[in-house]
């Protein structure tokens, strides 16, 4: 049976990340998951709001991500906050490690989605923290862009 690609494929999104951080670049990574974690992810009950990615021994790991236990898995269940390995190409890994070594830069997960083949992928963002004033300025600019679009749309109809 063919999959419907028009539906939203996001399982989990970290909406607050784009507010709290300035995202300079993004990278897609595969996830090493257990079967019960995939089931829990497909239900959309997972949380990546406090999660981040870090390197250990030349490998990248997704830390502090919450995948609740899947009820039907009973004794074959997983630990909800265990570290999960991220699958990256060597060039992408070097890029992320170099970014982390710079001051004030972290790697945060922006979303976890299923690609067209049904495989779970994690979109990572190279992020620099924002100050409170920067957050207010970003909100002000976003609101002005919205009002500007509304004014142009209303004026164009005359």
N, C-alpha and C. Protein backbone atom coordinates (compact mmCIF):
# COMPACT_ATOMS: atom_id res chain seq x y z
N UNK A 1 0.84 -1.18 0.00
CA UNK A 1 0.00 0.00 0.00
C UNK A 1 0.88 1.24 0.00
N UNK A 2 0.60 2.18 -0.86
CA UNK A 2 1.38 3.41 -0.96
C UNK A 2 1.07 4.33 0.22
N UNK A 3 2.10 5.00 0.69
CA UNK A 3 1.92 5.93 1.81
C UNK A 3 1.45 7.28 1.28
N UNK A 4 0.64 7.97 2.09
CA UNK A 4 0.16 9.30 1.73
C UNK A 4 1.22 10.31 2.15
N UNK A 5 1.92 10.92 1.20
CA UNK A 5 2.99 11.86 1.50
C UNK A 5 2.48 13.27 1.75
N UNK A 6 1.20 13.53 1.52
CA UNK A 6 0.67 14.87 1.70
C UNK A 6 0.41 15.21 3.15
N UNK A 7 0.27 14.19 4.01
CA UNK A 7 0.00 14.46 5.41
C UNK A 7 1.27 14.93 6.11
N UNK A 8 1.09 15.59 7.25
CA UNK A 8 2.22 16.08 8.02
C UNK A 8 2.99 14.90 8.60
N UNK A 9 4.28 14.79 8.30
CA UNK A 9 5.07 13.65 8.72
C UNK A 9 5.78 13.89 10.06
N UNK A 10 5.60 15.06 10.68
CA UNK A 10 6.27 15.34 11.95
C UNK A 10 5.66 14.52 13.07
N UNK A 11 6.50 13.84 13.81
CA UNK A 11 6.05 13.11 14.99
C UNK A 11 6.13 14.02 16.21
N UNK A 12 7.22 14.78 16.31
CA UNK A 12 7.45 15.68 17.44
C UNK A 12 8.17 16.92 16.92
N UNK A 13 7.80 18.09 17.44
CA UNK A 13 8.48 19.33 17.09
C UNK A 13 8.88 20.07 18.36
N UNK A 14 10.00 20.78 18.28
CA UNK A 14 10.46 21.61 19.37
C UNK A 14 10.25 23.06 18.94
N UNK A 15 9.04 23.56 19.15
CA UNK A 15 8.69 24.90 18.69
C UNK A 15 9.43 25.99 19.46
N UNK A 16 9.70 25.73 20.71
CA UNK A 16 10.35 26.73 21.56
C UNK A 16 11.82 26.95 21.18
N UNK A 17 12.42 25.99 20.50
CA UNK A 17 13.84 26.11 20.13
C UNK A 17 14.07 27.31 19.22
N UNK A 18 13.19 27.55 18.28
CA UNK A 18 13.37 28.68 17.35
C UNK A 18 13.14 30.02 18.06
N UNK A 19 12.46 29.99 19.20
CA UNK A 19 12.26 31.21 19.99
C UNK A 19 13.45 31.45 20.91
N UNK A 20 13.97 30.39 21.53
CA UNK A 20 15.05 30.52 22.51
C UNK A 20 16.43 30.63 21.87
N UNK A 21 16.58 30.14 20.64
CA UNK A 21 17.88 30.12 19.99
C UNK A 21 17.80 30.73 18.60
N UNK A 22 18.94 31.20 18.12
CA UNK A 22 19.10 31.59 16.72
C UNK A 22 19.70 30.39 16.01
N UNK A 23 18.95 29.80 15.09
CA UNK A 23 19.39 28.60 14.37
C UNK A 23 20.20 29.04 13.16
N UNK A 24 21.47 28.64 13.12
CA UNK A 24 22.33 29.04 12.00
C UNK A 24 22.36 28.00 10.89
N UNK A 25 22.23 26.72 11.23
CA UNK A 25 22.29 25.66 10.23
C UNK A 25 21.54 24.44 10.73
N UNK A 26 21.07 23.60 9.82
CA UNK A 26 20.36 22.39 10.21
C UNK A 26 21.00 21.16 9.54
N UNK A 27 20.86 20.03 10.22
CA UNK A 27 21.38 18.75 9.73
C UNK A 27 20.35 17.69 10.06
N UNK A 28 20.11 16.76 9.14
CA UNK A 28 19.22 15.64 9.39
C UNK A 28 20.04 14.42 9.80
N UNK A 29 19.58 13.74 10.85
CA UNK A 29 20.30 12.57 11.35
C UNK A 29 19.32 11.43 11.55
N UNK A 30 19.81 10.21 11.39
CA UNK A 30 19.02 9.03 11.69
C UNK A 30 19.04 8.78 13.19
N UNK A 31 18.09 8.00 13.68
CA UNK A 31 18.00 7.67 15.10
C UNK A 31 18.06 6.16 15.27
N UNK A 32 18.79 5.70 16.28
CA UNK A 32 18.80 4.29 16.63
C UNK A 32 17.75 4.11 17.72
N UNK A 33 16.63 3.49 17.38
CA UNK A 33 15.50 3.34 18.30
C UNK A 33 15.12 1.88 18.47
N UNK A 34 14.52 1.58 19.62
CA UNK A 34 13.94 0.26 19.84
C UNK A 34 12.52 0.26 19.27
N UNK A 35 11.94 -0.90 19.09
CA UNK A 35 10.61 -1.01 18.51
C UNK A 35 9.55 -0.29 19.32
N UNK A 36 9.63 -0.40 20.65
CA UNK A 36 8.63 0.27 21.50
C UNK A 36 8.78 1.78 21.44
N UNK A 37 10.00 2.28 21.19
CA UNK A 37 10.21 3.72 21.04
C UNK A 37 9.57 4.23 19.75
N UNK A 38 9.67 3.45 18.69
CA UNK A 38 9.06 3.84 17.42
C UNK A 38 7.54 3.89 17.56
N UNK A 39 6.98 2.90 18.25
CA UNK A 39 5.52 2.88 18.47
C UNK A 39 5.09 4.10 19.26
N UNK A 40 5.84 4.44 20.30
CA UNK A 40 5.53 5.60 21.12
C UNK A 40 5.67 6.89 20.30
N UNK A 41 6.67 6.94 19.43
CA UNK A 41 6.89 8.11 18.58
C UNK A 41 5.75 8.26 17.57
N UNK A 42 5.28 7.16 17.01
CA UNK A 42 4.17 7.23 16.05
C UNK A 42 2.89 7.73 16.70
N UNK A 43 2.74 7.49 18.01
CA UNK A 43 1.57 8.02 18.74
C UNK A 43 1.72 9.52 19.01
N UNK A 44 2.93 10.06 18.85
CA UNK A 44 3.16 11.49 19.02
C UNK A 44 3.22 11.94 20.46
N UNK A 45 3.56 11.03 21.38
CA UNK A 45 3.56 11.39 22.80
C UNK A 45 4.94 11.77 23.30
N UNK A 46 5.93 11.85 22.44
CA UNK A 46 7.31 12.11 22.86
C UNK A 46 7.54 13.61 23.04
N UNK A 47 8.63 13.94 23.75
CA UNK A 47 8.97 15.33 24.00
C UNK A 47 10.47 15.54 23.80
N UNK A 48 10.83 16.57 23.05
CA UNK A 48 12.24 16.92 22.83
C UNK A 48 12.51 18.35 23.27
N UNK A 49 11.65 18.91 24.12
CA UNK A 49 11.80 20.31 24.53
C UNK A 49 13.07 20.57 25.32
N UNK A 50 13.48 19.65 26.18
CA UNK A 50 14.69 19.85 26.98
C UNK A 50 15.87 19.08 26.41
N UNK A 51 15.73 18.50 25.24
CA UNK A 51 16.78 17.64 24.68
C UNK A 51 17.88 18.45 24.00
N UNK A 52 19.05 17.81 23.88
CA UNK A 52 20.18 18.38 23.17
C UNK A 52 21.03 17.23 22.64
N UNK A 53 21.92 17.55 21.71
CA UNK A 53 22.81 16.54 21.14
C UNK A 53 24.24 16.84 21.56
N UNK A 54 24.99 15.78 21.83
CA UNK A 54 26.37 15.94 22.26
C UNK A 54 27.20 14.80 21.71
N UNK A 55 28.52 15.03 21.63
CA UNK A 55 29.40 13.97 21.13
C UNK A 55 30.09 13.27 22.29
N UNK A 56 30.20 11.95 22.17
CA UNK A 56 30.90 11.10 23.14
C UNK A 56 31.67 10.06 22.35
N UNK A 57 32.96 10.04 22.54
CA UNK A 57 33.82 9.03 21.91
C UNK A 57 33.65 8.97 20.39
N UNK A 58 33.52 10.12 19.76
CA UNK A 58 33.41 10.17 18.31
C UNK A 58 32.04 9.82 17.76
N UNK A 59 31.02 9.71 18.62
CA UNK A 59 29.65 9.45 18.18
C UNK A 59 28.74 10.53 18.74
N UNK A 60 27.65 10.80 18.04
CA UNK A 60 26.69 11.79 18.52
C UNK A 60 25.51 11.11 19.19
N UNK A 61 25.04 11.69 20.30
CA UNK A 61 23.95 11.13 21.08
C UNK A 61 22.89 12.19 21.33
N UNK A 62 21.64 11.79 21.29
CA UNK A 62 20.51 12.64 21.65
C UNK A 62 20.25 12.40 23.14
N UNK A 63 20.43 13.42 23.94
CA UNK A 63 20.31 13.31 25.38
C UNK A 63 19.07 14.04 25.89
N UNK A 64 18.49 13.51 26.95
CA UNK A 64 17.38 14.13 27.67
C UNK A 64 16.08 14.19 26.86
N UNK A 65 15.95 13.38 25.83
CA UNK A 65 14.69 13.29 25.07
C UNK A 65 13.78 12.29 25.78
N UNK A 66 12.50 12.61 25.87
CA UNK A 66 11.56 11.77 26.61
C UNK A 66 10.67 11.01 25.65
N UNK A 67 10.82 9.69 25.62
CA UNK A 67 9.96 8.79 24.85
C UNK A 67 9.21 7.95 25.87
N UNK A 68 7.93 8.23 26.14
CA UNK A 68 7.22 7.47 27.18
C UNK A 68 7.11 6.00 26.82
N UNK A 69 6.95 5.16 27.85
CA UNK A 69 6.84 3.72 27.61
C UNK A 69 5.58 3.42 26.80
N UNK A 70 5.71 2.45 25.92
CA UNK A 70 4.58 2.01 25.11
C UNK A 70 3.86 0.91 25.89
N UNK A 71 2.59 1.11 26.20
CA UNK A 71 1.84 0.24 27.09
C UNK A 71 1.80 -1.22 26.62
N UNK A 72 1.64 -1.45 25.34
CA UNK A 72 1.48 -2.81 24.83
C UNK A 72 2.80 -3.59 24.79
N UNK A 73 3.93 -2.94 25.04
CA UNK A 73 5.22 -3.63 24.95
C UNK A 73 5.57 -4.38 26.23
N UNK A 74 4.83 -4.21 27.28
CA UNK A 74 5.05 -4.71 28.65
C UNK A 74 6.51 -4.97 28.99
N UNK A 75 7.01 -6.16 29.07
CA UNK A 75 8.36 -6.38 29.58
C UNK A 75 9.45 -6.04 28.56
N UNK A 76 9.11 -5.81 27.31
CA UNK A 76 10.10 -5.45 26.30
C UNK A 76 10.19 -3.94 26.11
N UNK A 77 9.72 -3.18 27.09
CA UNK A 77 9.70 -1.73 26.99
C UNK A 77 11.10 -1.14 27.12
N UNK A 78 11.19 0.14 26.89
CA UNK A 78 12.45 0.86 26.91
C UNK A 78 12.48 1.82 28.11
N UNK A 79 13.66 2.36 28.38
CA UNK A 79 13.81 3.38 29.41
C UNK A 79 13.45 4.73 28.78
N UNK A 80 12.54 5.52 29.39
CA UNK A 80 12.03 6.73 28.74
C UNK A 80 13.07 7.81 28.42
N UNK A 81 14.09 8.01 29.25
CA UNK A 81 15.04 9.11 29.01
C UNK A 81 16.45 8.61 28.71
N UNK A 82 16.58 7.45 28.11
CA UNK A 82 17.91 6.93 27.82
C UNK A 82 18.55 7.71 26.67
N UNK A 83 19.90 7.77 26.61
CA UNK A 83 20.56 8.42 25.46
C UNK A 83 20.33 7.60 24.19
N UNK A 84 20.07 8.29 23.10
CA UNK A 84 19.83 7.62 21.82
C UNK A 84 20.88 8.04 20.81
N UNK A 85 21.43 7.06 20.12
CA UNK A 85 22.51 7.32 19.17
C UNK A 85 21.95 7.98 17.91
N UNK A 86 22.68 8.98 17.43
CA UNK A 86 22.34 9.66 16.18
C UNK A 86 23.27 9.17 15.08
N UNK A 87 22.72 8.92 13.91
CA UNK A 87 23.49 8.43 12.77
C UNK A 87 23.76 9.59 11.83
N UNK A 88 25.03 9.94 11.71
CA UNK A 88 25.45 11.07 10.88
C UNK A 88 26.59 10.65 9.96
N UNK A 89 26.73 11.35 8.85
CA UNK A 89 27.89 11.16 8.00
C UNK A 89 29.09 11.83 8.67
N UNK A 90 30.27 11.36 8.35
CA UNK A 90 31.50 11.86 8.97
C UNK A 90 31.64 13.37 8.79
N UNK A 91 31.35 13.86 7.60
CA UNK A 91 31.47 15.29 7.31
C UNK A 91 30.51 16.11 8.18
N UNK A 92 29.27 15.61 8.34
CA UNK A 92 28.29 16.30 9.18
C UNK A 92 28.72 16.28 10.65
N UNK A 93 29.28 15.15 11.09
CA UNK A 93 29.73 15.02 12.47
C UNK A 93 30.86 16.00 12.77
N UNK A 94 31.81 16.14 11.85
CA UNK A 94 32.92 17.07 12.03
C UNK A 94 32.39 18.50 12.08
N UNK A 95 31.41 18.80 11.24
CA UNK A 95 30.81 20.13 11.23
C UNK A 95 30.15 20.45 12.57
N UNK A 96 29.43 19.48 13.14
CA UNK A 96 28.77 19.70 14.43
C UNK A 96 29.79 19.81 15.57
N UNK A 97 30.82 18.98 15.55
CA UNK A 97 31.83 19.04 16.61
C UNK A 97 32.55 20.38 16.57
N UNK A 98 32.88 20.87 15.38
CA UNK A 98 33.52 22.18 15.26
C UNK A 98 32.60 23.29 15.76
N UNK A 99 31.31 23.17 15.50
CA UNK A 99 30.35 24.17 15.96
C UNK A 99 30.23 24.17 17.47
N UNK A 100 30.24 22.99 18.10
CA UNK A 100 30.13 22.90 19.55
C UNK A 100 31.34 23.49 20.23
N UNK A 101 32.52 23.34 19.63
CA UNK A 101 33.74 23.85 20.24
C UNK A 101 33.78 25.37 20.27
N UNK A 102 33.02 26.02 19.42
CA UNK A 102 32.92 27.48 19.49
C UNK A 102 32.11 27.85 20.72
N UNK A 103 32.35 29.01 21.25
CA UNK A 103 31.69 29.42 22.49
C UNK A 103 30.22 29.78 22.26
N UNK A 104 29.35 29.32 23.16
CA UNK A 104 27.94 29.70 23.13
C UNK A 104 27.10 28.99 22.08
N UNK A 105 27.61 27.94 21.48
CA UNK A 105 26.87 27.22 20.44
C UNK A 105 26.51 25.83 20.96
N UNK A 106 25.29 25.41 20.70
CA UNK A 106 24.84 24.08 21.09
C UNK A 106 24.07 23.44 19.94
N UNK A 107 23.85 22.15 20.02
CA UNK A 107 23.09 21.43 18.99
C UNK A 107 21.78 20.97 19.63
N UNK A 108 20.67 21.47 19.10
CA UNK A 108 19.35 21.13 19.65
C UNK A 108 18.51 20.43 18.58
N UNK A 109 17.68 19.46 18.99
CA UNK A 109 16.77 18.83 18.02
C UNK A 109 15.60 19.76 17.75
N UNK A 110 15.32 20.00 16.48
CA UNK A 110 14.20 20.85 16.09
C UNK A 110 12.93 20.04 15.88
N UNK A 111 13.08 18.84 15.33
CA UNK A 111 11.92 17.98 15.11
C UNK A 111 12.38 16.54 14.90
N UNK A 112 11.46 15.63 15.12
CA UNK A 112 11.65 14.23 14.75
C UNK A 112 10.50 13.89 13.81
N UNK A 113 10.83 13.34 12.67
CA UNK A 113 9.81 13.06 11.66
C UNK A 113 10.09 11.70 11.02
N UNK A 114 9.13 11.24 10.26
CA UNK A 114 9.29 10.01 9.50
C UNK A 114 9.44 10.38 8.03
N UNK A 115 10.52 9.88 7.39
CA UNK A 115 10.73 10.21 5.98
C UNK A 115 9.77 9.41 5.11
N UNK A 116 9.91 9.52 3.79
CA UNK A 116 8.97 8.86 2.87
C UNK A 116 9.04 7.34 2.96
N UNK A 117 10.15 6.79 3.46
CA UNK A 117 10.27 5.34 3.64
C UNK A 117 9.79 4.90 5.01
N UNK A 118 9.35 5.84 5.85
CA UNK A 118 8.84 5.50 7.17
C UNK A 118 9.92 5.36 8.22
N UNK A 119 11.11 5.90 7.96
CA UNK A 119 12.23 5.82 8.90
C UNK A 119 12.29 7.11 9.71
N UNK A 120 12.50 6.97 11.03
CA UNK A 120 12.55 8.13 11.92
C UNK A 120 13.85 8.90 11.71
N UNK A 121 13.72 10.21 11.53
CA UNK A 121 14.86 11.10 11.35
C UNK A 121 14.72 12.25 12.35
N UNK A 122 15.86 12.80 12.75
CA UNK A 122 15.89 13.92 13.68
C UNK A 122 16.54 15.10 12.99
N UNK A 123 15.86 16.23 12.97
CA UNK A 123 16.44 17.44 12.40
C UNK A 123 17.13 18.20 13.52
N UNK A 124 18.45 18.34 13.41
CA UNK A 124 19.25 19.03 14.42
C UNK A 124 19.56 20.43 13.94
N UNK A 125 19.59 21.37 14.87
CA UNK A 125 19.93 22.74 14.54
C UNK A 125 21.14 23.19 15.32
N UNK A 126 22.08 23.86 14.63
CA UNK A 126 23.21 24.48 15.31
C UNK A 126 22.69 25.81 15.82
N UNK A 127 22.66 25.96 17.15
CA UNK A 127 21.94 27.07 17.75
C UNK A 127 22.83 27.90 18.67
N UNK A 128 22.56 29.19 18.65
CA UNK A 128 23.23 30.12 19.57
C UNK A 128 22.14 30.75 20.42
N UNK A 129 22.33 30.74 21.72
CA UNK A 129 21.31 31.24 22.65
C UNK A 129 20.99 32.72 22.44
N UNK A 130 19.72 33.06 22.63
CA UNK A 130 19.28 34.44 22.51
C UNK A 130 19.10 35.06 23.88
N UNK A 131 19.33 36.35 23.96
CA UNK A 131 19.04 37.08 25.19
C UNK A 131 17.58 37.50 25.16
N UNK A 132 17.06 37.93 26.31
CA UNK A 132 15.65 38.32 26.40
C UNK A 132 15.33 39.46 25.43
N UNK A 133 16.24 40.43 25.30
CA UNK A 133 16.01 41.56 24.39
C UNK A 133 15.95 41.08 22.94
N UNK A 134 16.79 40.11 22.59
CA UNK A 134 16.78 39.56 21.24
C UNK A 134 15.46 38.85 20.94
N UNK A 135 14.93 38.15 21.95
CA UNK A 135 13.65 37.46 21.78
C UNK A 135 12.53 38.46 21.53
N UNK A 136 12.55 39.56 22.30
CA UNK A 136 11.53 40.60 22.11
C UNK A 136 11.63 41.24 20.73
N UNK A 137 12.86 41.48 20.28
CA UNK A 137 13.06 42.07 18.96
C UNK A 137 12.57 41.14 17.86
N UNK A 138 12.80 39.84 18.02
CA UNK A 138 12.35 38.86 17.02
C UNK A 138 10.83 38.82 16.97
N UNK A 139 10.17 38.88 18.13
CA UNK A 139 8.70 38.89 18.18
C UNK A 139 8.16 40.16 17.52
N UNK A 140 8.79 41.30 17.81
CA UNK A 140 8.37 42.58 17.23
C UNK A 140 8.51 42.56 15.71
N UNK A 141 9.62 42.02 15.21
CA UNK A 141 9.84 41.94 13.77
C UNK A 141 8.84 41.00 13.10
N UNK A 142 8.57 39.86 13.74
CA UNK A 142 7.60 38.91 13.20
C UNK A 142 6.21 39.51 13.12
N UNK A 143 5.81 40.23 14.18
CA UNK A 143 4.49 40.88 14.18
C UNK A 143 4.40 41.96 13.10
N UNK A 144 5.50 42.73 12.92
CA UNK A 144 5.49 43.77 11.89
C UNK A 144 5.39 43.15 10.50
N UNK A 145 6.10 42.05 10.25
CA UNK A 145 6.01 41.37 8.95
C UNK A 145 4.58 40.89 8.68
N UNK A 146 3.94 40.37 9.74
CA UNK A 146 2.56 39.90 9.59
C UNK A 146 1.62 41.07 9.27
N UNK A 147 1.77 42.19 9.99
CA UNK A 147 0.94 43.37 9.73
C UNK A 147 1.21 43.94 8.35
N UNK A 148 2.48 43.94 7.95
CA UNK A 148 2.85 44.45 6.64
C UNK A 148 2.20 43.63 5.53
N UNK A 149 2.23 42.32 5.68
CA UNK A 149 1.58 41.45 4.70
C UNK A 149 0.09 41.67 4.65
N UNK A 150 -0.51 41.87 5.82
CA UNK A 150 -1.94 42.13 5.90
C UNK A 150 -2.30 43.44 5.22
N UNK A 151 -1.48 44.49 5.44
CA UNK A 151 -1.74 45.80 4.81
C UNK A 151 -1.61 45.71 3.29
N UNK A 152 -0.57 45.03 2.82
CA UNK A 152 -0.39 44.89 1.38
C UNK A 152 -1.51 44.08 0.74
N UNK A 153 -1.96 43.06 1.44
CA UNK A 153 -3.04 42.22 0.92
C UNK A 153 -4.34 43.03 0.84
N UNK A 154 -4.64 43.81 1.86
CA UNK A 154 -5.87 44.63 1.87
C UNK A 154 -5.78 45.75 0.84
N UNK A 155 -4.61 46.34 0.67
CA UNK A 155 -4.44 47.43 -0.28
C UNK A 155 -4.54 46.94 -1.72
N UNK A 156 -4.03 45.71 -1.96
CA UNK A 156 -4.05 45.16 -3.30
C UNK A 156 -5.45 44.85 -3.79
N UNK A 157 -6.40 44.68 -2.87
CA UNK A 157 -7.78 44.34 -3.24
C UNK A 157 -8.59 45.55 -3.66
N UNK A 158 -8.07 46.78 -3.45
CA UNK A 158 -8.82 47.99 -3.80
C UNK A 158 -8.93 48.21 -5.26
